PDB file of all heavy atoms in Angstrom:
ATOM      1  N   ARG A   1      83.321  98.256 106.586  1.00  0.00           N
ATOM      2  CA  ARG A   1      84.579  98.320 107.337  1.00  0.00           C
ATOM      3  C   ARG A   1      85.054  99.760 107.540  1.00  0.00           C
ATOM      4  O   ARG A   1      85.887 100.026 108.399  1.00  0.00           O
ATOM      5  CB  ARG A   1      85.649  97.517 106.610  1.00  0.00           C
ATOM      6  CG  ARG A   1      85.343  96.023 106.575  1.00  0.00           C
ATOM      7  CD  ARG A   1      86.515  95.218 106.059  1.00  0.00           C
ATOM      8  NE  ARG A   1      86.937  95.616 104.733  1.00  0.00           N
ATOM      9  CZ  ARG A   1      86.707  94.927 103.623  1.00  0.00           C
ATOM     10  NH1 ARG A   1      86.048  93.808 103.666  1.00  0.00           N
ATOM     11  NH2 ARG A   1      87.143  95.360 102.460  1.00  0.00           N
ATOM     12  N   LEU A   2      84.555 100.685 106.700  1.00  0.00           N
ATOM     13  CA  LEU A   2      84.920 102.098 106.808  1.00  0.00           C
ATOM     14  C   LEU A   2      83.646 102.918 106.992  1.00  0.00           C
ATOM     15  O   LEU A   2      82.731 102.838 106.175  1.00  0.00           O
ATOM     16  CB  LEU A   2      85.646 102.572 105.541  1.00  0.00           C
ATOM     17  CG  LEU A   2      85.929 104.081 105.445  1.00  0.00           C
ATOM     18  CD1 LEU A   2      86.884 104.537 106.555  1.00  0.00           C
ATOM     19  CD2 LEU A   2      86.497 104.433 104.072  1.00  0.00           C
ATOM     20  N   LEU A   3      83.615 103.690 108.071  1.00  0.00           N
ATOM     21  CA  LEU A   3      82.502 104.600 108.315  1.00  0.00           C
ATOM     22  C   LEU A   3      83.014 106.023 108.181  1.00  0.00           C
ATOM     23  O   LEU A   3      83.803 106.494 109.008  1.00  0.00           O
ATOM     24  CB  LEU A   3      81.907 104.384 109.710  1.00  0.00           C
ATOM     25  CG  LEU A   3      80.745 105.320 110.079  1.00  0.00           C
ATOM     26  CD1 LEU A   3      79.568 105.130 109.119  1.00  0.00           C
ATOM     27  CD2 LEU A   3      80.316 105.088 111.524  1.00  0.00           C
ATOM     28  N   LEU A   4      82.600 106.683 107.115  1.00  0.00           N
ATOM     29  CA  LEU A   4      82.909 108.087 106.917  1.00  0.00           C
ATOM     30  C   LEU A   4      81.873 108.887 107.702  1.00  0.00           C
ATOM     31  O   LEU A   4      80.686 108.572 107.644  1.00  0.00           O
ATOM     32  CB  LEU A   4      82.847 108.463 105.440  1.00  0.00           C
ATOM     33  CG  LEU A   4      83.764 107.679 104.512  1.00  0.00           C
ATOM     34  CD1 LEU A   4      83.480 108.029 103.057  1.00  0.00           C
ATOM     35  CD2 LEU A   4      85.214 107.938 104.863  1.00  0.00           C
ATOM     36  N   CYS A   5      82.315 109.898 108.427  1.00  0.00           N
ATOM     37  CA  CYS A   5      81.393 110.700 109.232  1.00  0.00           C
ATOM     38  C   CYS A   5      81.597 112.176 108.955  1.00  0.00           C
ATOM     39  O   CYS A   5      82.728 112.655 108.905  1.00  0.00           O
ATOM     40  CB  CYS A   5      81.638 110.477 110.727  1.00  0.00           C
ATOM     41  SG  CYS A   5      81.261 108.836 111.313  1.00  0.00           S
ATOM     42  N   ASP A   6      80.493 112.873 108.810  1.00  0.00           N
ATOM     43  CA  ASP A   6      80.542 114.325 108.828  1.00  0.00           C
ATOM     44  C   ASP A   6      80.870 114.716 110.269  1.00  0.00           C
ATOM     45  O   ASP A   6      80.597 113.949 111.197  1.00  0.00           O
ATOM     46  CB  ASP A   6      79.180 114.871 108.397  1.00  0.00           C
ATOM     47  CG  ASP A   6      79.152 116.381 108.330  1.00  0.00           C
ATOM     48  OD1 ASP A   6      80.064 116.969 107.713  1.00  0.00           O
ATOM     49  OD2 ASP A   6      78.217 116.970 108.900  1.00  0.00           O
ATOM     50  N   LEU A   7      81.422 115.886 110.471  1.00  0.00           N
ATOM     51  CA  LEU A   7      81.764 116.309 111.836  1.00  0.00           C
ATOM     52  C   LEU A   7      80.672 117.183 112.432  1.00  0.00           C
ATOM     53  O   LEU A   7      80.001 116.793 113.386  1.00  0.00           O
ATOM     54  CB  LEU A   7      83.111 117.043 111.842  1.00  0.00           C
ATOM     55  CG  LEU A   7      83.544 117.664 113.175  1.00  0.00           C
ATOM     56  CD1 LEU A   7      83.588 116.628 114.291  1.00  0.00           C
ATOM     57  CD2 LEU A   7      84.896 118.346 113.020  1.00  0.00           C
ATOM     58  N   ASP A   8      80.471 118.366 111.855  1.00  0.00           N
ATOM     59  CA  ASP A   8      79.567 119.351 112.447  1.00  0.00           C
ATOM     60  C   ASP A   8      78.119 118.885 112.389  1.00  0.00           C
ATOM     61  O   ASP A   8      77.587 118.593 111.314  1.00  0.00           O
ATOM     62  CB  ASP A   8      79.720 120.704 111.753  1.00  0.00           C
ATOM     63  CG  ASP A   8      81.089 121.314 112.013  1.00  0.00           C
ATOM     64  OD1 ASP A   8      81.672 121.038 113.075  1.00  0.00           O
ATOM     65  OD2 ASP A   8      81.569 122.069 111.141  1.00  0.00           O
ATOM     66  N   TYR A   9      77.507 118.833 113.550  1.00  0.00           N
ATOM     67  CA  TYR A   9      76.116 118.439 113.767  1.00  0.00           C
ATOM     68  C   TYR A   9      75.852 116.955 113.540  1.00  0.00           C
ATOM     69  O   TYR A   9      74.734 116.497 113.669  1.00  0.00           O
ATOM     70  CB  TYR A   9      75.148 119.295 112.948  1.00  0.00           C
ATOM     71  CG  TYR A   9      75.327 120.765 113.230  1.00  0.00           C
ATOM     72  CD1 TYR A   9      75.746 121.636 112.237  1.00  0.00           C
ATOM     73  CD2 TYR A   9      75.128 121.268 114.515  1.00  0.00           C
ATOM     74  CE1 TYR A   9      75.936 122.988 112.513  1.00  0.00           C
ATOM     75  CE2 TYR A   9      75.312 122.616 114.792  1.00  0.00           C
ATOM     76  CZ  TYR A   9      75.724 123.464 113.791  1.00  0.00           C
ATOM     77  OH  TYR A   9      75.922 124.788 114.057  1.00  0.00           O
ATOM     78  N   THR A  10      76.886 116.193 113.206  1.00  0.00           N
ATOM     79  CA  THR A  10      76.755 114.738 113.106  1.00  0.00           C
ATOM     80  C   THR A  10      77.396 114.094 114.326  1.00  0.00           C
ATOM     81  O   THR A  10      76.757 113.331 115.034  1.00  0.00           O
ATOM     82  CB  THR A  10      77.404 114.211 111.808  1.00  0.00           C
ATOM     83  OG1 THR A  10      76.705 114.771 110.700  1.00  0.00           O
ATOM     84  CG2 THR A  10      77.352 112.695 111.742  1.00  0.00           C
ATOM     85  N   LEU A  11      78.654 114.422 114.573  1.00  0.00           N
ATOM     86  CA  LEU A  11      79.340 113.885 115.750  1.00  0.00           C
ATOM     87  C   LEU A  11      79.368 114.874 116.910  1.00  0.00           C
ATOM     88  O   LEU A  11      79.515 114.460 118.066  1.00  0.00           O
ATOM     89  CB  LEU A  11      80.773 113.480 115.398  1.00  0.00           C
ATOM     90  CG  LEU A  11      80.918 112.367 114.373  1.00  0.00           C
ATOM     91  CD1 LEU A  11      82.385 112.052 114.137  1.00  0.00           C
ATOM     92  CD2 LEU A  11      80.143 111.127 114.781  1.00  0.00           C
ATOM     93  N   ALA A  12      79.249 116.148 116.591  1.00  0.00           N
ATOM     94  CA  ALA A  12      79.293 117.180 117.641  1.00  0.00           C
ATOM     95  C   ALA A  12      78.698 118.475 117.105  1.00  0.00           C
ATOM     96  O   ALA A  12      78.766 118.736 115.902  1.00  0.00           O
ATOM     97  CB  ALA A  12      80.740 117.428 118.064  1.00  0.00           C
ATOM     98  N   PRO A  13      78.119 119.276 117.992  1.00  0.00           N
ATOM     99  CA  PRO A  13      77.673 120.601 117.554  1.00  0.00           C
ATOM    100  C   PRO A  13      78.874 121.407 117.070  1.00  0.00           C
ATOM    101  O   PRO A  13      80.000 121.198 117.524  1.00  0.00           O
ATOM    102  CB  PRO A  13      77.082 121.223 118.818  1.00  0.00           C
ATOM    103  CG  PRO A  13      76.885 120.111 119.768  1.00  0.00           C
ATOM    104  CD  PRO A  13      77.869 119.043 119.404  1.00  0.00           C
ATOM    105  N   LYS A  14      78.637 122.315 116.177  1.00  0.00           N
ATOM    106  CA  LYS A  14      79.735 123.130 115.641  1.00  0.00           C
ATOM    107  C   LYS A  14      80.422 123.936 116.741  1.00  0.00           C
ATOM    108  O   LYS A  14      81.607 124.228 116.659  1.00  0.00           O
ATOM    109  CB  LYS A  14      79.200 124.056 114.549  1.00  0.00           C
ATOM    110  CG  LYS A  14      80.276 124.619 113.677  1.00  0.00           C
ATOM    111  CD  LYS A  14      79.687 125.298 112.468  1.00  0.00           C
ATOM    112  CE  LYS A  14      80.787 125.654 111.498  1.00  0.00           C
ATOM    113  NZ  LYS A  14      80.246 126.111 110.227  1.00  0.00           N
ATOM    114  N   SER A  15      79.677 124.264 117.776  1.00  0.00           N
ATOM    115  CA  SER A  15      80.240 125.057 118.875  1.00  0.00           C
ATOM    116  C   SER A  15      81.144 124.240 119.802  1.00  0.00           C
ATOM    117  O   SER A  15      81.860 124.800 120.613  1.00  0.00           O
ATOM    118  CB  SER A  15      79.100 125.662 119.703  1.00  0.00           C
ATOM    119  OG  SER A  15      78.295 124.629 120.243  1.00  0.00           O
ATOM    120  N   GLN A  16      81.136 122.928 119.673  1.00  0.00           N
ATOM    121  CA  GLN A  16      81.945 122.060 120.536  1.00  0.00           C
ATOM    122  C   GLN A  16      83.343 121.931 119.955  1.00  0.00           C
ATOM    123  O   GLN A  16      83.535 121.349 118.900  1.00  0.00           O
ATOM    124  CB  GLN A  16      81.282 120.685 120.659  1.00  0.00           C
ATOM    125  CG  GLN A  16      81.992 119.751 121.600  1.00  0.00           C
ATOM    126  CD  GLN A  16      81.249 118.425 121.700  1.00  0.00           C
ATOM    127  OE1 GLN A  16      80.024 118.389 121.661  1.00  0.00           O
ATOM    128  NE2 GLN A  16      81.992 117.348 121.818  1.00  0.00           N
ATOM    129  N   GLY A  17      84.324 122.471 120.649  1.00  0.00           N
ATOM    130  CA  GLY A  17      85.683 122.538 120.129  1.00  0.00           C
ATOM    131  C   GLY A  17      86.494 121.271 120.238  1.00  0.00           C
ATOM    132  O   GLY A  17      87.472 121.093 119.515  1.00  0.00           O
ATOM    133  N   GLU A  18      86.105 120.372 121.122  1.00  0.00           N
ATOM    134  CA  GLU A  18      86.871 119.139 121.280  1.00  0.00           C
ATOM    135  C   GLU A  18      85.925 117.970 121.547  1.00  0.00           C
ATOM    136  O   GLU A  18      84.798 118.165 121.998  1.00  0.00           O
ATOM    137  CB  GLU A  18      87.900 119.276 122.387  1.00  0.00           C
ATOM    138  CG  GLU A  18      87.322 119.662 123.722  1.00  0.00           C
ATOM    139  CD  GLU A  18      88.395 120.031 124.720  1.00  0.00           C
ATOM    140  OE1 GLU A  18      89.324 120.769 124.362  1.00  0.00           O
ATOM    141  OE2 GLU A  18      88.288 119.560 125.865  1.00  0.00           O
ATOM    142  N   PRO A  19      86.386 116.765 121.279  1.00  0.00           N
ATOM    143  CA  PRO A  19      85.530 115.592 121.471  1.00  0.00           C
ATOM    144  C   PRO A  19      85.188 115.383 122.941  1.00  0.00           C
ATOM    145  O   PRO A  19      85.998 115.654 123.823  1.00  0.00           O
ATOM    146  CB  PRO A  19      86.382 114.429 120.976  1.00  0.00           C
ATOM    147  CG  PRO A  19      87.587 115.023 120.343  1.00  0.00           C
ATOM    148  CD  PRO A  19      87.694 116.435 120.751  1.00  0.00           C
ATOM    149  N   ASP A  20      83.981 114.892 123.183  1.00  0.00           N
ATOM    150  CA  ASP A  20      83.613 114.560 124.557  1.00  0.00           C
ATOM    151  C   ASP A  20      83.854 113.060 124.800  1.00  0.00           C
ATOM    152  O   ASP A  20      84.157 112.309 123.881  1.00  0.00           O
ATOM    153  CB  ASP A  20      82.168 114.962 124.864  1.00  0.00           C
ATOM    154  CG  ASP A  20      81.143 114.303 123.953  1.00  0.00           C
ATOM    155  OD1 ASP A  20      81.443 113.241 123.357  1.00  0.00           O
ATOM    156  OD2 ASP A  20      80.034 114.848 123.836  1.00  0.00           O
ATOM    157  N   GLN A  21      83.716 112.654 126.053  1.00  0.00           N
ATOM    158  CA  GLN A  21      83.988 111.267 126.443  1.00  0.00           C
ATOM    159  C   GLN A  21      83.046 110.288 125.751  1.00  0.00           C
ATOM    160  O   GLN A  21      83.444 109.187 125.395  1.00  0.00           O
ATOM    161  CB  GLN A  21      83.891 111.110 127.958  1.00  0.00           C
ATOM    162  CG  GLN A  21      85.088 111.694 128.688  1.00  0.00           C
ATOM    163  CD  GLN A  21      86.375 111.037 128.220  1.00  0.00           C
ATOM    164  OE1 GLN A  21      87.141 111.610 127.452  1.00  0.00           O
ATOM    165  NE2 GLN A  21      86.630 109.832 128.660  1.00  0.00           N
ATOM    166  N   ARG A  22      81.812 110.673 125.565  1.00  0.00           N
ATOM    167  CA  ARG A  22      80.835 109.800 124.912  1.00  0.00           C
ATOM    168  C   ARG A  22      81.282 109.445 123.498  1.00  0.00           C
ATOM    169  O   ARG A  22      81.230 108.288 123.083  1.00  0.00           O
ATOM    170  CB  ARG A  22      79.480 110.509 124.899  1.00  0.00           C
ATOM    171  CG  ARG A  22      78.362 109.714 124.309  1.00  0.00           C
ATOM    172  CD  ARG A  22      77.047 110.488 124.522  1.00  0.00           C
ATOM    173  NE  ARG A  22      75.966 109.805 123.896  1.00  0.00           N
ATOM    174  CZ  ARG A  22      75.322 110.233 122.816  1.00  0.00           C
ATOM    175  NH1 ARG A  22      75.643 111.378 122.257  1.00  0.00           N
ATOM    176  NH2 ARG A  22      74.340 109.532 122.293  1.00  0.00           N
ATOM    177  N   LEU A  23      81.726 110.440 122.752  1.00  0.00           N
ATOM    178  CA  LEU A  23      82.209 110.208 121.395  1.00  0.00           C
ATOM    179  C   LEU A  23      83.469 109.346 121.413  1.00  0.00           C
ATOM    180  O   LEU A  23      83.609 108.420 120.613  1.00  0.00           O
ATOM    181  CB  LEU A  23      82.478 111.544 120.683  1.00  0.00           C
ATOM    182  CG  LEU A  23      83.040 111.456 119.264  1.00  0.00           C
ATOM    183  CD1 LEU A  23      82.132 110.637 118.343  1.00  0.00           C
ATOM    184  CD2 LEU A  23      83.258 112.861 118.704  1.00  0.00           C
ATOM    185  N   CYS A  24      84.364 109.620 122.334  1.00  0.00           N
ATOM    186  CA  CYS A  24      85.596 108.819 122.437  1.00  0.00           C
ATOM    187  C   CYS A  24      85.282 107.352 122.713  1.00  0.00           C
ATOM    188  O   CYS A  24      85.893 106.459 122.116  1.00  0.00           O
ATOM    189  CB  CYS A  24      86.515 109.396 123.513  1.00  0.00           C
ATOM    190  SG  CYS A  24      87.197 111.013 123.085  1.00  0.00           S
ATOM    191  N   ARG A  25      84.332 107.090 123.614  1.00  0.00           N
ATOM    192  CA  ARG A  25      83.937 105.703 123.911  1.00  0.00           C
ATOM    193  C   ARG A  25      83.335 105.024 122.679  1.00  0.00           C
ATOM    194  O   ARG A  25      83.623 103.860 122.389  1.00  0.00           O
ATOM    195  CB  ARG A  25      82.949 105.653 125.075  1.00  0.00           C
ATOM    196  CG  ARG A  25      83.602 105.811 126.434  1.00  0.00           C
ATOM    197  CD  ARG A  25      82.651 105.473 127.577  1.00  0.00           C
ATOM    198  NE  ARG A  25      81.426 106.266 127.569  1.00  0.00           N
ATOM    199  CZ  ARG A  25      81.302 107.477 128.112  1.00  0.00           C
ATOM    200  NH1 ARG A  25      82.323 108.041 128.716  1.00  0.00           N
ATOM    201  NH2 ARG A  25      80.150 108.118 128.065  1.00  0.00           N
ATOM    202  N   TRP A  26      82.490 105.751 121.938  1.00  0.00           N
ATOM    203  CA  TRP A  26      81.873 105.189 120.738  1.00  0.00           C
ATOM    204  C   TRP A  26      82.939 104.842 119.699  1.00  0.00           C
ATOM    205  O   TRP A  26      82.883 103.775 119.083  1.00  0.00           O
ATOM    206  CB  TRP A  26      80.849 106.183 120.184  1.00  0.00           C
ATOM    207  CG  TRP A  26      80.132 105.730 118.960  1.00  0.00           C
ATOM    208  CD1 TRP A  26      79.116 104.814 118.884  1.00  0.00           C
ATOM    209  CD2 TRP A  26      80.365 106.178 117.615  1.00  0.00           C
ATOM    210  NE1 TRP A  26      78.698 104.673 117.588  1.00  0.00           N
ATOM    211  CE2 TRP A  26      79.444 105.492 116.786  1.00  0.00           C
ATOM    212  CE3 TRP A  26      81.242 107.092 117.044  1.00  0.00           C
ATOM    213  CZ2 TRP A  26      79.395 105.693 115.410  1.00  0.00           C
ATOM    214  CZ3 TRP A  26      81.196 107.293 115.674  1.00  0.00           C
ATOM    215  CH2 TRP A  26      80.288 106.602 114.878  1.00  0.00           C
ATOM    216  N   LEU A  27      83.918 105.716 119.526  1.00  0.00           N
ATOM    217  CA  LEU A  27      84.996 105.449 118.576  1.00  0.00           C
ATOM    218  C   LEU A  27      85.837 104.250 119.000  1.00  0.00           C
ATOM    219  O   LEU A  27      86.279 103.462 118.159  1.00  0.00           O
ATOM    220  CB  LEU A  27      85.869 106.684 118.386  1.00  0.00           C
ATOM    221  CG  LEU A  27      85.204 107.812 117.598  1.00  0.00           C
ATOM    222  CD1 LEU A  27      86.038 109.078 117.673  1.00  0.00           C
ATOM    223  CD2 LEU A  27      84.957 107.406 116.156  1.00  0.00           C
ATOM    224  N   GLU A  28      86.055 104.097 120.299  1.00  0.00           N
ATOM    225  CA  GLU A  28      86.772 102.921 120.805  1.00  0.00           C
ATOM    226  C   GLU A  28      85.998 101.645 120.486  1.00  0.00           C
ATOM    227  O   GLU A  28      86.590 100.646 120.068  1.00  0.00           O
ATOM    228  CB  GLU A  28      86.983 103.034 122.317  1.00  0.00           C
ATOM    229  CG  GLU A  28      88.046 104.021 122.719  1.00  0.00           C
ATOM    230  CD  GLU A  28      88.114 104.220 124.234  1.00  0.00           C
ATOM    231  OE1 GLU A  28      87.606 103.361 124.998  1.00  0.00           O
ATOM    232  OE2 GLU A  28      88.679 105.247 124.654  1.00  0.00           O
ATOM    233  N   GLU A  29      84.678 101.681 120.675  1.00  0.00           N
ATOM    234  CA  GLU A  29      83.836 100.527 120.342  1.00  0.00           C
ATOM    235  C   GLU A  29      83.938 100.197 118.856  1.00  0.00           C
ATOM    236  O   GLU A  29      83.998  99.019 118.478  1.00  0.00           O
ATOM    237  CB  GLU A  29      82.376 100.803 120.703  1.00  0.00           C
ATOM    238  CG  GLU A  29      82.092 100.848 122.176  1.00  0.00           C
ATOM    239  CD  GLU A  29      80.664 101.303 122.470  1.00  0.00           C
ATOM    240  OE1 GLU A  29      79.810 101.267 121.553  1.00  0.00           O
ATOM    241  OE2 GLU A  29      80.414 101.704 123.622  1.00  0.00           O
ATOM    242  N   MET A  30      83.923 101.223 118.025  1.00  0.00           N
ATOM    243  CA  MET A  30      84.041 101.000 116.579  1.00  0.00           C
ATOM    244  C   MET A  30      85.374 100.329 116.254  1.00  0.00           C
ATOM    245  O   MET A  30      85.417  99.346 115.517  1.00  0.00           O
ATOM    246  CB  MET A  30      83.922 102.317 115.806  1.00  0.00           C
ATOM    247  CG  MET A  30      82.527 102.883 115.766  1.00  0.00           C
ATOM    248  SD  MET A  30      81.456 101.857 114.759  1.00  0.00           S
ATOM    249  CE  MET A  30      79.882 102.302 115.428  1.00  0.00           C
ATOM    250  N   ALA A  31      86.447 100.858 116.807  1.00  0.00           N
ATOM    251  CA  ALA A  31      87.777 100.296 116.540  1.00  0.00           C
ATOM    252  C   ALA A  31      87.863  98.851 117.027  1.00  0.00           C
ATOM    253  O   ALA A  31      88.385  97.979 116.317  1.00  0.00           O
ATOM    254  CB  ALA A  31      88.855 101.158 117.203  1.00  0.00           C
ATOM    255  N   GLN A  32      87.337  98.582 118.210  1.00  0.00           N
ATOM    256  CA  GLN A  32      87.355  97.216 118.737  1.00  0.00           C
ATOM    257  C   GLN A  32      86.527  96.272 117.876  1.00  0.00           C
ATOM    258  O   GLN A  32      86.811  95.085 117.796  1.00  0.00           O
ATOM    259  CB  GLN A  32      86.846  97.194 120.178  1.00  0.00           C
ATOM    260  CG  GLN A  32      87.810  97.825 121.156  1.00  0.00           C
ATOM    261  CD  GLN A  32      87.206  98.040 122.538  1.00  0.00           C
ATOM    262  OE1 GLN A  32      86.043  97.750 122.782  1.00  0.00           O
ATOM    263  NE2 GLN A  32      88.022  98.572 123.441  1.00  0.00           N
ATOM    264  N   GLY A  33      85.507  96.812 117.218  1.00  0.00           N
ATOM    265  CA  GLY A  33      84.663  96.015 116.337  1.00  0.00           C
ATOM    266  C   GLY A  33      85.193  95.915 114.915  1.00  0.00           C
ATOM    267  O   GLY A  33      84.515  95.380 114.032  1.00  0.00           O
ATOM    268  N   GLY A  34      86.386  96.455 114.667  1.00  0.00           N
ATOM    269  CA  GLY A  34      87.001  96.363 113.347  1.00  0.00           C
ATOM    270  C   GLY A  34      86.525  97.396 112.346  1.00  0.00           C
ATOM    271  O   GLY A  34      86.737  97.251 111.145  1.00  0.00           O
TER     272      GLY A  34
END
């Protein structure tokens, strides 16, 4: 029910300062799936 995620190089390159649309959509899917 809880997915802990590392940030750098797991969800985004360290050079990426803000979330992209792909990540936002994936997080929405996770939330909708509980």
